[in-house]
Amino acid sequence: MQVILNLISNAKDAIEERRKKEKIEGIIEVSNEIKNKEIIIKIKDNGGGIPNEVKDRIFEPYFTTKEEGKGTGMGLYMAKEIIERSNGEITFEVNPPYTTFIIKLKEDNESW
């Protein structure tokens, strides 16, 4: 639950930043499905995407693209840690202006 809340909060922040520059209607979509004994949760937003130059760093601790005082750089790092400790994985896809975070968890995972 903490991971999903963090991803939605990040999506909201990205949309608000984009709205300062463009008149857009913000979109956050949360979906889930069970496929091949995996629970797949997707959180998609139209906050503008993730710049290519930071894609490899977004899960690093203390890395943030937010302006000073608005982010600690720990949210995505902790999300990744939580998911991986649950024997799952978190990835993302970027198709500007959309970003989709994808969480995959084993349906029969005993670590929950």
PDB file of N, CA and C in Angstrom:
ATOM      1  N   MET A   1       0.824  -1.191   0.000  1.00  0.00           N
ATOM      2  CA  MET A   1       0.000   0.000   0.000  1.00  0.00           C
ATOM      3  C   MET A   1       0.872   1.260   0.000  1.00  0.00           C
ATOM      4  N   GLN A   2       1.962   1.229   0.773  1.00  0.00           N
ATOM      5  CA  GLN A   2       2.868   2.381   0.839  1.00  0.00           C
ATOM      6  C   GLN A   2       3.468   2.690  -0.537  1.00  0.00           C
ATOM      7  N   VAL A   3       3.827   1.658  -1.266  1.00  0.00           N
ATOM      8  CA  VAL A   3       4.412   1.846  -2.597  1.00  0.00           C
ATOM      9  C   VAL A   3       3.399   2.504  -3.531  1.00  0.00           C
ATOM     10  N   ILE A   4       2.181   2.020  -3.526  1.00  0.00           N
ATOM     11  CA  ILE A   4       1.152   2.575  -4.410  1.00  0.00           C
ATOM     12  C   ILE A   4       0.868   4.034  -4.060  1.00  0.00           C
ATOM     13  N   LEU A   5       0.774   4.328  -2.763  1.00  0.00           N
ATOM     14  CA  LEU A   5       0.547   5.716  -2.349  1.00  0.00           C
ATOM     15  C   LEU A   5       1.697   6.620  -2.799  1.00  0.00           C
ATOM     16  N   ASN A   6       2.911   6.130  -2.675  1.00  0.00           N
ATOM     17  CA  ASN A   6       4.066   6.923  -3.102  1.00  0.00           C
ATOM     18  C   ASN A   6       4.026   7.182  -4.603  1.00  0.00           C
ATOM     19  N   LEU A   7       3.723   6.161  -5.387  1.00  0.00           N
ATOM     20  CA  LEU A   7       3.676   6.333  -6.842  1.00  0.00           C
ATOM     21  C   LEU A   7       2.571   7.300  -7.256  1.00  0.00           C
ATOM     22  N   ILE A   8       1.434   7.233  -6.590  1.00  0.00           N
ATOM     23  CA  ILE A   8       0.339   8.172  -6.899  1.00  0.00           C
ATOM     24  C   ILE A   8       0.732   9.590  -6.502  1.00  0.00           C
ATOM     25  N   SER A   9       1.384   9.735  -5.369  1.00  0.00           N
ATOM     26  CA  SER A   9       1.841  11.058  -4.934  1.00  0.00           C
ATOM     27  C   SER A   9       2.859  11.634  -5.918  1.00  0.00           C
ATOM     28  N   ASN A  10       3.795  10.816  -6.372  1.00  0.00           N
ATOM     29  CA  ASN A  10       4.767  11.269  -7.370  1.00  0.00           C
ATOM     30  C   ASN A  10       4.072  11.665  -8.665  1.00  0.00           C
ATOM     31  N   ALA A  11       3.072  10.887  -9.075  1.00  0.00           N
ATOM     32  CA  ALA A  11       2.322  11.203 -10.295  1.00  0.00           C
ATOM     33  C   ALA A  11       1.626  12.550 -10.154  1.00  0.00           C
ATOM     34  N   LYS A  12       1.016  12.776  -9.006  1.00  0.00           N
ATOM     35  CA  LYS A  12       0.336  14.049  -8.744  1.00  0.00           C
ATOM     36  C   LYS A  12       1.320  15.209  -8.836  1.00  0.00           C
ATOM     37  N   ASP A  13       2.492  15.046  -8.210  1.00  0.00           N
ATOM     38  CA  ASP A  13       3.506  16.102  -8.246  1.00  0.00           C
ATOM     39  C   ASP A  13       3.969  16.381  -9.676  1.00  0.00           C
ATOM     40  N   ALA A  14       4.179  15.340 -10.468  1.00  0.00           N
ATOM     41  CA  ALA A  14       4.621  15.509 -11.852  1.00  0.00           C
ATOM     42  C   ALA A  14       3.556  16.231 -12.678  1.00  0.00           C
ATOM     43  N   ILE A  15       2.308  15.869 -12.471  1.00  0.00           N
ATOM     44  CA  ILE A  15       1.214  16.521 -13.195  1.00  0.00           C
ATOM     45  C   ILE A  15       1.128  17.993 -12.810  1.00  0.00           C
ATOM     46  N   GLU A  16       1.258  18.299 -11.521  1.00  0.00           N
ATOM     47  CA  GLU A  16       1.209  19.694 -11.079  1.00  0.00           C
ATOM     48  C   GLU A  16       2.334  20.512 -11.706  1.00  0.00           C
ATOM     49  N   GLU A  17       3.529  19.937 -11.799  1.00  0.00           N
ATOM     50  CA  GLU A  17       4.651  20.630 -12.439  1.00  0.00           C
ATOM     51  C   GLU A  17       4.364  20.885 -13.914  1.00  0.00           C
ATOM     52  N   ARG A  18       3.828  19.891 -14.581  1.00  0.00           N
ATOM     53  CA  ARG A  18       3.522  20.047 -16.010  1.00  0.00           C
ATOM     54  C   ARG A  18       2.423  21.083 -16.217  1.00  0.00           C
ATOM     55  N   ARG A  19       1.470  21.136 -15.289  1.00  0.00           N
ATOM     56  CA  ARG A  19       0.358  22.093 -15.417  1.00  0.00           C
ATOM     57  C   ARG A  19       0.826  23.535 -15.266  1.00  0.00           C
ATOM     58  N   LYS A  20       1.979  23.752 -14.635  1.00  0.00           N
ATOM     59  CA  LYS A  20       2.530  25.113 -14.542  1.00  0.00           C
ATOM     60  C   LYS A  20       2.945  25.627 -15.917  1.00  0.00           C
ATOM     61  N   LYS A  21       3.274  24.705 -16.828  1.00  0.00           N
ATOM     62  CA  LYS A  21       3.769  25.066 -18.160  1.00  0.00           C
ATOM     63  C   LYS A  21       2.706  24.931 -19.242  1.00  0.00           C
ATOM     64  N   GLU A  22       1.788  23.975 -19.065  1.00  0.00           N
ATOM     65  CA  GLU A  22       0.789  23.676 -20.089  1.00  0.00           C
ATOM     66  C   GLU A  22      -0.588  23.544 -19.453  1.00  0.00           C
ATOM     67  N   LYS A  23      -1.598  23.839 -20.238  1.00  0.00           N
ATOM     68  CA  LYS A  23      -2.953  23.620 -19.756  1.00  0.00           C
ATOM     69  C   LYS A  23      -3.334  22.182 -20.108  1.00  0.00           C
ATOM     70  N   ILE A  24      -3.268  21.313 -19.125  1.00  0.00           N
ATOM     71  CA  ILE A  24      -3.599  19.909 -19.349  1.00  0.00           C
ATOM     72  C   ILE A  24      -4.576  19.441 -18.285  1.00  0.00           C
ATOM     73  N   GLU A  25      -5.248  18.378 -18.592  1.00  0.00           N
ATOM     74  CA  GLU A  25      -6.055  17.694 -17.593  1.00  0.00           C
ATOM     75  C   GLU A  25      -5.210  16.524 -17.097  1.00  0.00           C
ATOM     76  N   GLY A  26      -4.912  16.517 -15.812  1.00  0.00           N
ATOM     77  CA  GLY A  26      -4.086  15.458 -15.247  1.00  0.00           C
ATOM     78  C   GLY A  26      -4.795  14.119 -15.243  1.00  0.00           C
ATOM     79  N   ILE A  27      -4.032  13.088 -15.541  1.00  0.00           N
ATOM     80  CA  ILE A  27      -4.579  11.729 -15.570  1.00  0.00           C
ATOM     81  C   ILE A  27      -3.687  10.824 -14.733  1.00  0.00           C
ATOM     82  N   ILE A  28      -4.294  10.106 -13.810  1.00  0.00           N
ATOM     83  CA  ILE A  28      -3.621   9.035 -13.081  1.00  0.00           C
ATOM     84  C   ILE A  28      -4.521   7.819 -13.184  1.00  0.00           C
ATOM     85  N   GLU A  29      -3.992   6.751 -13.748  1.00  0.00           N
ATOM     86  CA  GLU A  29      -4.763   5.510 -13.895  1.00  0.00           C
ATOM     87  C   GLU A  29      -4.077   4.412 -13.092  1.00  0.00           C
ATOM     88  N   VAL A  30      -4.863   3.703 -12.298  1.00  0.00           N
ATOM     89  CA  VAL A  30      -4.349   2.557 -11.546  1.00  0.00           C
ATOM     90  C   VAL A  30      -5.116   1.336 -12.032  1.00  0.00           C
ATOM     91  N   SER A  31      -4.379   0.303 -12.421  1.00  0.00           N
ATOM     92  CA  SER A  31      -5.028  -0.923 -12.883  1.00  0.00           C
ATOM     93  C   SER A  31      -4.301  -2.124 -12.297  1.00  0.00           C
ATOM     94  N   ASN A  32      -4.983  -3.245 -12.325  1.00  0.00           N
ATOM     95  CA  ASN A  32      -4.348  -4.476 -11.855  1.00  0.00           C
ATOM     96  C   ASN A  32      -4.929  -5.658 -12.616  1.00  0.00           C
ATOM     97  N   GLU A  33      -4.128  -6.708 -12.647  1.00  0.00           N
ATOM     98  CA  GLU A  33      -4.568  -7.950 -13.275  1.00  0.00           C
ATOM     99  C   GLU A  33      -3.747  -9.097 -12.700  1.00  0.00           C
ATOM    100  N   ILE A  34      -4.273 -10.281 -12.849  1.00  0.00           N
ATOM    101  CA  ILE A  34      -3.526 -11.480 -12.481  1.00  0.00           C
ATOM    102  C   ILE A  34      -3.245 -12.224 -13.776  1.00  0.00           C
ATOM    103  N   LYS A  35      -1.954 -12.497 -13.995  1.00  0.00           N
ATOM    104  CA  LYS A  35      -1.541 -13.129 -15.243  1.00  0.00           C
ATOM    105  C   LYS A  35      -0.389 -14.082 -14.923  1.00  0.00           C
ATOM    106  N   ASN A  36      -0.533 -15.319 -15.314  1.00  0.00           N
ATOM    107  CA  ASN A  36       0.509 -16.322 -15.069  1.00  0.00           C
ATOM    108  C   ASN A  36       0.951 -16.359 -13.604  1.00  0.00           C
ATOM    109  N   LYS A  37      -0.012 -16.364 -12.704  1.00  0.00           N
ATOM    110  CA  LYS A  37       0.229 -16.424 -11.256  1.00  0.00           C
ATOM    111  C   LYS A  37       1.008 -15.227 -10.731  1.00  0.00           C
ATOM    112  N   GLU A  38       0.910 -14.092 -11.436  1.00  0.00           N
ATOM    113  CA  GLU A  38       1.502 -12.846 -10.983  1.00  0.00           C
ATOM    114  C   GLU A  38       0.419 -11.789 -10.857  1.00  0.00           C
ATOM    115  N   ILE A  39       0.514 -11.007  -9.799  1.00  0.00           N
ATOM    116  CA  ILE A  39      -0.333  -9.831  -9.656  1.00  0.00           C
ATOM    117  C   ILE A  39       0.433  -8.680 -10.282  1.00  0.00           C
ATOM    118  N   ILE A  40      -0.182  -8.010 -11.229  1.00  0.00           N
ATOM    119  CA  ILE A  40       0.467  -6.905 -11.931  1.00  0.00           C
ATOM    120  C   ILE A  40      -0.339  -5.645 -11.649  1.00  0.00           C
ATOM    121  N   ILE A  41       0.329  -4.671 -11.050  1.00  0.00           N
ATOM    122  CA  ILE A  41      -0.291  -3.387 -10.735  1.00  0.00           C
ATOM    123  C   ILE A  41       0.405  -2.325 -11.571  1.00  0.00           C
ATOM    124  N   LYS A  42      -0.389  -1.503 -12.249  1.00  0.00           N
ATOM    125  CA  LYS A  42       0.175  -0.441 -13.088  1.00  0.00           C
ATOM    126  C   LYS A  42      -0.368   0.903 -12.619  1.00  0.00           C
ATOM    127  N   ILE A  43       0.534   1.863 -12.507  1.00  0.00           N
ATOM    128  CA  ILE A  43       0.163   3.233 -12.186  1.00  0.00           C
ATOM    129  C   ILE A  43       0.695   4.106 -13.313  1.00  0.00           C
ATOM    130  N   LYS A  44      -0.223   4.716 -14.049  1.00  0.00           N
ATOM    131  CA  LYS A  44       0.128   5.499 -15.239  1.00  0.00           C
ATOM    132  C   LYS A  44      -0.300   6.948 -15.023  1.00  0.00           C
ATOM    133  N   ASP A  45       0.566   7.879 -15.434  1.00  0.00           N
ATOM    134  CA  ASP A  45       0.213   9.293 -15.339  1.00  0.00           C
ATOM    135  C   ASP A  45       0.681  10.039 -16.579  1.00  0.00           C
ATOM    136  N   ASN A  46       0.158  11.238 -16.755  1.00  0.00           N
ATOM    137  CA  ASN A  46       0.573  12.074 -17.886  1.00  0.00           C
ATOM    138  C   ASN A  46       1.346  13.300 -17.388  1.00  0.00           C
ATOM    139  N   GLY A  47       2.240  13.049 -16.447  1.00  0.00           N
ATOM    140  CA  GLY A  47       3.045  14.124 -15.875  1.00  0.00           C
ATOM    141  C   GLY A  47       4.214  14.563 -16.734  1.00  0.00           C
ATOM    142  N   GLY A  48       4.390  13.982 -17.894  1.00  0.00           N
ATOM    143  CA  GLY A  48       5.440  14.432 -18.798  1.00  0.00           C
ATOM    144  C   GLY A  48       6.504  13.400 -19.089  1.00  0.00           C
ATOM    145  N   GLY A  49       6.525  12.303 -18.345  1.00  0.00           N
ATOM    146  CA  GLY A  49       7.534  11.276 -18.571  1.00  0.00           C
ATOM    147  C   GLY A  49       8.770  11.501 -17.724  1.00  0.00           C
ATOM    148  N   ILE A  50       9.726  10.612 -17.858  1.00  0.00           N
ATOM    149  CA  ILE A  50      10.992  10.692 -17.129  1.00  0.00           C
ATOM    150  C   ILE A  50      12.076  10.978 -18.161  1.00  0.00           C
ATOM    151  N   PRO A  51      12.848  12.050 -17.962  1.00  0.00           N
ATOM    152  CA  PRO A  51      13.895  12.377 -18.937  1.00  0.00           C
ATOM    153  C   PRO A  51      14.897  11.231 -19.106  1.00  0.00           C
ATOM    154  N   ASN A  52      15.344  11.012 -20.322  1.00  0.00           N
ATOM    155  CA  ASN A  52      16.302   9.937 -20.611  1.00  0.00           C
ATOM    156  C   ASN A  52      17.540  10.000 -19.735  1.00  0.00           C
ATOM    157  N   GLU A  53      18.017  11.199 -19.455  1.00  0.00           N
ATOM    158  CA  GLU A  53      19.263  11.333 -18.715  1.00  0.00           C
ATOM    159  C   GLU A  53      19.166  10.909 -17.250  1.00  0.00           C
ATOM    160  N   VAL A  54      17.957  10.697 -16.735  1.00  0.00           N
ATOM    161  CA  VAL A  54      17.835  10.273 -15.330  1.00  0.00           C
ATOM    162  C   VAL A  54      17.199   8.891 -15.167  1.00  0.00           C
ATOM    163  N   LYS A  55      16.813   8.268 -16.257  1.00  0.00           N
ATOM    164  CA  LYS A  55      16.120   6.978 -16.180  1.00  0.00           C
ATOM    165  C   LYS A  55      16.901   5.930 -15.386  1.00  0.00           C
ATOM    166  N   ASP A  56      18.212   5.917 -15.532  1.00  0.00           N
ATOM    167  CA  ASP A  56      19.029   4.911 -14.851  1.00  0.00           C
ATOM    168  C   ASP A  56      19.224   5.206 -13.373  1.00  0.00           C
ATOM    169  N   ARG A  57      18.792   6.377 -12.926  1.00  0.00           N
ATOM    170  CA  ARG A  57      19.075   6.769 -11.539  1.00  0.00           C
ATOM    171  C   ARG A  57      17.850   6.876 -10.648  1.00  0.00           C
ATOM    172  N   ILE A  58      16.653   6.753 -11.183  1.00  0.00           N
ATOM    173  CA  ILE A  58      15.477   7.110 -10.377  1.00  0.00           C
ATOM    174  C   ILE A  58      15.244   6.227  -9.154  1.00  0.00           C
ATOM    175  N   PHE A  59      15.805   5.033  -9.134  1.00  0.00           N
ATOM    176  CA  PHE A  59      15.645   4.175  -7.964  1.00  0.00           C
ATOM    177  C   PHE A  59      16.815   4.305  -6.978  1.00  0.00           C
ATOM    178  N   GLU A  60      17.756   5.215  -7.261  1.00  0.00           N
ATOM    179  CA  GLU A  60      18.894   5.416  -6.358  1.00  0.00           C
ATOM    180  C   GLU A  60      18.457   6.195  -5.116  1.00  0.00           C
ATOM    181  N   PRO A  61      19.037   5.861  -3.962  1.00  0.00           N
ATOM    182  CA  PRO A  61      18.697   6.634  -2.760  1.00  0.00           C
ATOM    183  C   PRO A  61      19.190   8.077  -2.895  1.00  0.00           C
ATOM    184  N   TYR A  62      18.387   9.002  -2.408  1.00  0.00           N
ATOM    185  CA  TYR A  62      18.675  10.438  -2.373  1.00  0.00           C
ATOM    186  C   TYR A  62      18.684  11.112  -3.738  1.00  0.00           C
ATOM    187  N   PHE A  63      18.282  10.405  -4.786  1.00  0.00           N
ATOM    188  CA  PHE A  63      18.200  11.030  -6.100  1.00  0.00           C
ATOM    189  C   PHE A  63      16.786  11.565  -6.301  1.00  0.00           C
ATOM    190  N   THR A  64      16.681  12.829  -6.656  1.00  0.00           N
ATOM    191  CA  THR A  64      15.378  13.429  -6.918  1.00  0.00           C
ATOM    192  C   THR A  64      15.473  14.407  -8.078  1.00  0.00           C
ATOM    193  N   THR A  65      14.397  14.556  -8.804  1.00  0.00           N
ATOM    194  CA  THR A  65      14.314  15.564  -9.859  1.00  0.00           C
ATOM    195  C   THR A  65      13.478  16.747  -9.392  1.00  0.00           C
ATOM    196  N   LYS A  66      12.956  16.639  -8.176  1.00  0.00           N
ATOM    197  CA  LYS A  66      12.125  17.720  -7.636  1.00  0.00           C
ATOM    198  C   LYS A  66      13.014  18.861  -7.163  1.00  0.00           C
ATOM    199  N   GLU A  67      12.427  20.060  -7.151  1.00  0.00           N
ATOM    200  CA  GLU A  67      13.195  21.214  -6.690  1.00  0.00           C
ATOM    201  C   GLU A  67      13.524  21.076  -5.209  1.00  0.00           C
ATOM    202  N   GLU A  68      14.537  21.785  -4.797  1.00  0.00           N
ATOM    203  CA  GLU A  68      15.022  21.678  -3.420  1.00  0.00           C
ATOM    204  C   GLU A  68      13.895  21.911  -2.417  1.00  0.00           C
ATOM    205  N   GLY A  69      13.857  21.043  -1.418  1.00  0.00           N
ATOM    206  CA  GLY A  69      12.835  21.143  -0.379  1.00  0.00           C
ATOM    207  C   GLY A  69      11.537  20.425  -0.694  1.00  0.00           C
ATOM    208  N   LYS A  70      11.425  19.867  -1.907  1.00  0.00           N
ATOM    209  CA  LYS A  70      10.170  19.199  -2.290  1.00  0.00           C
ATOM    210  C   LYS A  70      10.288  17.690  -2.404  1.00  0.00           C
ATOM    211  N   GLY A  71      11.479  17.158  -2.280  1.00  0.00           N
ATOM    212  CA  GLY A  71      11.642  15.708  -2.384  1.00  0.00           C
ATOM    213  C   GLY A  71      12.913  15.267  -1.684  1.00  0.00           C
ATOM    214  N   THR A  72      12.870  14.085  -1.099  1.00  0.00           N
ATOM    215  CA  THR A  72      14.044  13.565  -0.385  1.00  0.00           C
ATOM    216  C   THR A  72      14.853  12.611  -1.247  1.00  0.00           C
ATOM    217  N   GLY A  73      14.248  12.110  -2.311  1.00  0.00           N
ATOM    218  CA  GLY A  73      14.937  11.125  -3.132  1.00  0.00           C
ATOM    219  C   GLY A  73      14.884   9.729  -2.545  1.00  0.00           C
ATOM    220  N   MET A  74      14.019   9.523  -1.575  1.00  0.00           N
ATOM    221  CA  MET A  74      13.923   8.211  -0.932  1.00  0.00           C
ATOM    222  C   MET A  74      12.678   7.435  -1.346  1.00  0.00           C
ATOM    223  N   GLY A  75      11.699   8.090  -1.927  1.00  0.00           N
ATOM    224  CA  GLY A  75      10.429   7.436  -2.234  1.00  0.00           C
ATOM    225  C   GLY A  75      10.546   6.260  -3.181  1.00  0.00           C
ATOM    226  N   LEU A  76      11.142   6.463  -4.342  1.00  0.00           N
ATOM    227  CA  LEU A  76      11.263   5.369  -5.313  1.00  0.00           C
ATOM    228  C   LEU A  76      12.276   4.330  -4.850  1.00  0.00           C
ATOM    229  N   TYR A  77      13.305   4.771  -4.164  1.00  0.00           N
ATOM    230  CA  TYR A  77      14.274   3.822  -3.601  1.00  0.00           C
ATOM    231  C   TYR A  77      13.574   2.887  -2.614  1.00  0.00           C
ATOM    232  N   MET A  78      12.777   3.461  -1.703  1.00  0.00           N
ATOM    233  CA  MET A  78      12.071   2.639  -0.715  1.00  0.00           C
ATOM    234  C   MET A  78      11.010   1.762  -1.390  1.00  0.00           C
ATOM    235  N   ALA A  79      10.360   2.284  -2.412  1.00  0.00           N
ATOM    236  CA  ALA A  79       9.374   1.487  -3.143  1.00  0.00           C
ATOM    237  C   ALA A  79      10.039   0.243  -3.722  1.00  0.00           C
ATOM    238  N   LYS A  80      11.194   0.439  -4.341  1.00  0.00           N
ATOM    239  CA  LYS A  80      11.924  -0.690  -4.930  1.00  0.00           C
ATOM    240  C   LYS A  80      12.343  -1.684  -3.847  1.00  0.00           C
ATOM    241  N   GLU A  81      12.830  -1.185  -2.728  1.00  0.00           N
ATOM    242  CA  GLU A  81      13.235  -2.063  -1.622  1.00  0.00           C
ATOM    243  C   GLU A  81      12.050  -2.882  -1.107  1.00  0.00           C
ATOM    244  N   ILE A  82      10.931  -2.243  -0.907  1.00  0.00           N
ATOM    245  CA  ILE A  82       9.734  -2.929  -0.393  1.00  0.00           C
ATOM    246  C   ILE A  82       9.290  -4.017  -1.362  1.00  0.00           C
ATOM    247  N   ILE A  83       9.207  -3.687  -2.636  1.00  0.00           N
ATOM    248  CA  ILE A  83       8.756  -4.658  -3.635  1.00  0.00           C
ATOM    249  C   ILE A  83       9.744  -5.810  -3.748  1.00  0.00           C
ATOM    250  N   GLU A  84      11.026  -5.516  -3.785  1.00  0.00           N
ATOM    251  CA  GLU A  84      12.018  -6.584  -3.912  1.00  0.00           C
ATOM    252  C   GLU A  84      12.055  -7.474  -2.670  1.00  0.00           C
ATOM    253  N   ARG A  85      11.820  -6.914  -1.501  1.00  0.00           N
ATOM    254  CA  ARG A  85      11.762  -7.732  -0.275  1.00  0.00           C
ATOM    255  C   ARG A  85      10.529  -8.633  -0.256  1.00  0.00           C
ATOM    256  N   SER A  86       9.573  -8.305  -1.090  1.00  0.00           N
ATOM    257  CA  SER A  86       8.379  -9.147  -1.243  1.00  0.00           C
ATOM    258  C   SER A  86       8.539 -10.077  -2.438  1.00  0.00           C
ATOM    259  N   ASN A  87       9.774 -10.265  -2.884  1.00  0.00           N
ATOM    260  CA  ASN A  87      10.100 -11.119  -4.025  1.00  0.00           C
ATOM    261  C   ASN A  87       9.391 -10.685  -5.308  1.00  0.00           C
ATOM    262  N   GLY A  88       9.212  -9.384  -5.444  1.00  0.00           N
ATOM    263  CA  GLY A  88       8.591  -8.838  -6.639  1.00  0.00           C
ATOM    264  C   GLY A  88       9.558  -7.955  -7.394  1.00  0.00           C
ATOM    265  N   GLU A  89       9.023  -7.254  -8.377  1.00  0.00           N
ATOM    266  CA  GLU A  89       9.841  -6.318  -9.135  1.00  0.00           C
ATOM    267  C   GLU A  89       9.025  -5.087  -9.480  1.00  0.00           C
ATOM    268  N   ILE A  90       9.721  -3.979  -9.600  1.00  0.00           N
ATOM    269  CA  ILE A  90       9.094  -2.728 -10.030  1.00  0.00           C
ATOM    270  C   ILE A  90       9.918  -2.184 -11.191  1.00  0.00           C
ATOM    271  N   THR A  91       9.229  -1.853 -12.259  1.00  0.00           N
ATOM    272  CA  THR A  91       9.866  -1.284 -13.440  1.00  0.00           C
ATOM    273  C   THR A  91       9.017  -0.108 -13.910  1.00  0.00           C
ATOM    274  N   PHE A  92       9.448   0.534 -14.964  1.00  0.00           N
ATOM    275  CA  PHE A  92       8.652   1.618 -15.519  1.00  0.00           C
ATOM    276  C   PHE A  92       8.830   1.667 -17.025  1.00  0.00           C
ATOM    277  N   GLU A  93       7.833   2.231 -17.670  1.00  0.00           N
ATOM    278  CA  GLU A  93       7.864   2.473 -19.110  1.00  0.00           C
ATOM    279  C   GLU A  93       7.555   3.947 -19.324  1.00  0.00           C
ATOM    280  N   VAL A  94       8.258   4.554 -20.261  1.00  0.00           N
ATOM    281  CA  VAL A  94       8.019   5.956 -20.573  1.00  0.00           C
ATOM    282  C   VAL A  94       7.623   6.075 -22.030  1.00  0.00           C
ATOM    283  N   ASN A  95       6.504   6.728 -22.242  1.00  0.00           N
ATOM    284  CA  ASN A  95       6.022   7.057 -23.574  1.00  0.00           C
ATOM    285  C   ASN A  95       5.457   8.474 -23.455  1.00  0.00           C
ATOM    286  N   PRO A  96       6.352   9.505 -23.504  1.00  0.00           N
ATOM    287  CA  PRO A  96       5.944  10.871 -23.175  1.00  0.00           C
ATOM    288  C   PRO A  96       4.633  11.273 -23.831  1.00  0.00           C
ATOM    289  N   PRO A  97       3.752  11.905 -23.096  1.00  0.00           N
ATOM    290  CA  PRO A  97       3.923  12.432 -21.752  1.00  0.00           C
ATOM    291  C   PRO A  97       3.602  11.439 -20.629  1.00  0.00           C
ATOM    292  N   TYR A  98       3.478  10.171 -20.971  1.00  0.00           N
ATOM    293  CA  TYR A  98       3.058   9.174 -19.984  1.00  0.00           C
ATOM    294  C   TYR A  98       4.234   8.429 -19.362  1.00  0.00           C
ATOM    295  N   THR A  99       4.068   8.098 -18.103  1.00  0.00           N
ATOM    296  CA  THR A  99       4.965   7.193 -17.398  1.00  0.00           C
ATOM    297  C   THR A  99       4.085   6.149 -16.742  1.00  0.00           C
ATOM    298  N   THR A 100       4.477   4.896 -16.858  1.00  0.00           N
ATOM    299  CA  THR A 100       3.744   3.808 -16.223  1.00  0.00           C
ATOM    300  C   THR A 100       4.707   3.024 -15.353  1.00  0.00           C
ATOM    301  N   PHE A 101       4.412   2.965 -14.058  1.00  0.00           N
ATOM    302  CA  PHE A 101       5.169   2.105 -13.152  1.00  0.00           C
ATOM    303  C   PHE A 101       4.447   0.773 -13.083  1.00  0.00           C
ATOM    304  N   ILE A 102       5.208  -0.300 -13.147  1.00  0.00           N
ATOM    305  CA  ILE A 102       4.643  -1.651 -13.174  1.00  0.00           C
ATOM    306  C   ILE A 102       5.223  -2.444 -12.012  1.00  0.00           C
ATOM    307  N   ILE A 103       4.331  -2.944 -11.177  1.00  0.00           N
ATOM    308  CA  ILE A 103       4.719  -3.770 -10.031  1.00  0.00           C
ATOM    309  C   ILE A 103       4.248  -5.179 -10.314  1.00  0.00           C
ATOM    310  N   LYS A 104       5.162  -6.146 -10.163  1.00  0.00           N
ATOM    311  CA  LYS A 104       4.807  -7.555 -10.350  1.00  0.00           C
ATOM    312  C   LYS A 104       5.113  -8.307  -9.064  1.00  0.00           C
ATOM    313  N   LEU A 105       4.102  -9.001  -8.581  1.00  0.00           N
ATOM    314  CA  LEU A 105       4.222  -9.795  -7.365  1.00  0.00           C
ATOM    315  C   LEU A 105       3.696 -11.196  -7.627  1.00  0.00           C
ATOM    316  N   LYS A 106       4.324 -12.173  -7.046  1.00  0.00           N
ATOM    317  CA  LYS A 106       3.846 -13.559  -7.188  1.00  0.00           C
ATOM    318  C   LYS A 106       2.529 -13.707  -6.441  1.00  0.00           C
ATOM    319  N   GLU A 107       1.559 -14.309  -7.095  1.00  0.00           N
ATOM    320  CA  GLU A 107       0.235 -14.481  -6.491  1.00  0.00           C
ATOM    321  C   GLU A 107       0.296 -15.326  -5.219  1.00  0.00           C
ATOM    322  N   ASP A 108       1.184 -16.321  -5.180  1.00  0.00           N
ATOM    323  CA  ASP A 108       1.263 -17.220  -4.038  1.00  0.00           C
ATOM    324  C   ASP A 108       2.483 -16.937  -3.144  1.00  0.00           C
ATOM    325  N   ASN A 109       2.884 -15.662  -3.102  1.00  0.00           N
ATOM    326  CA  ASN A 109       4.073 -15.265  -2.343  1.00  0.00           C
ATOM    327  C   ASN A 109       3.815 -15.379  -0.847  1.00  0.00           C
ATOM    328  N   GLU A 110       4.647 -16.156  -0.159  1.00  0.00           N
ATOM    329  CA  GLU A 110       4.489 -16.329   1.285  1.00  0.00           C
ATOM    330  C   GLU A 110       5.144 -15.215   2.084  1.00  0.00           C
ATOM    331  N   SER A 111       5.887 -14.317   1.434  1.00  0.00           N
ATOM    332  CA  SER A 111       6.574 -13.246   2.175  1.00  0.00           C
ATOM    333  C   SER A 111       5.644 -12.088   2.489  1.00  0.00           C
ATOM    334  N   TRP A 112       4.391 -12.149   2.034  1.00  0.00           N
ATOM    335  CA  TRP A 112       3.448 -11.073   2.336  1.00  0.00           C
ATOM    336  C   TRP A 112       2.998 -11.255   3.742  1.00  0.00           C
TER     337      TRP A 112
END
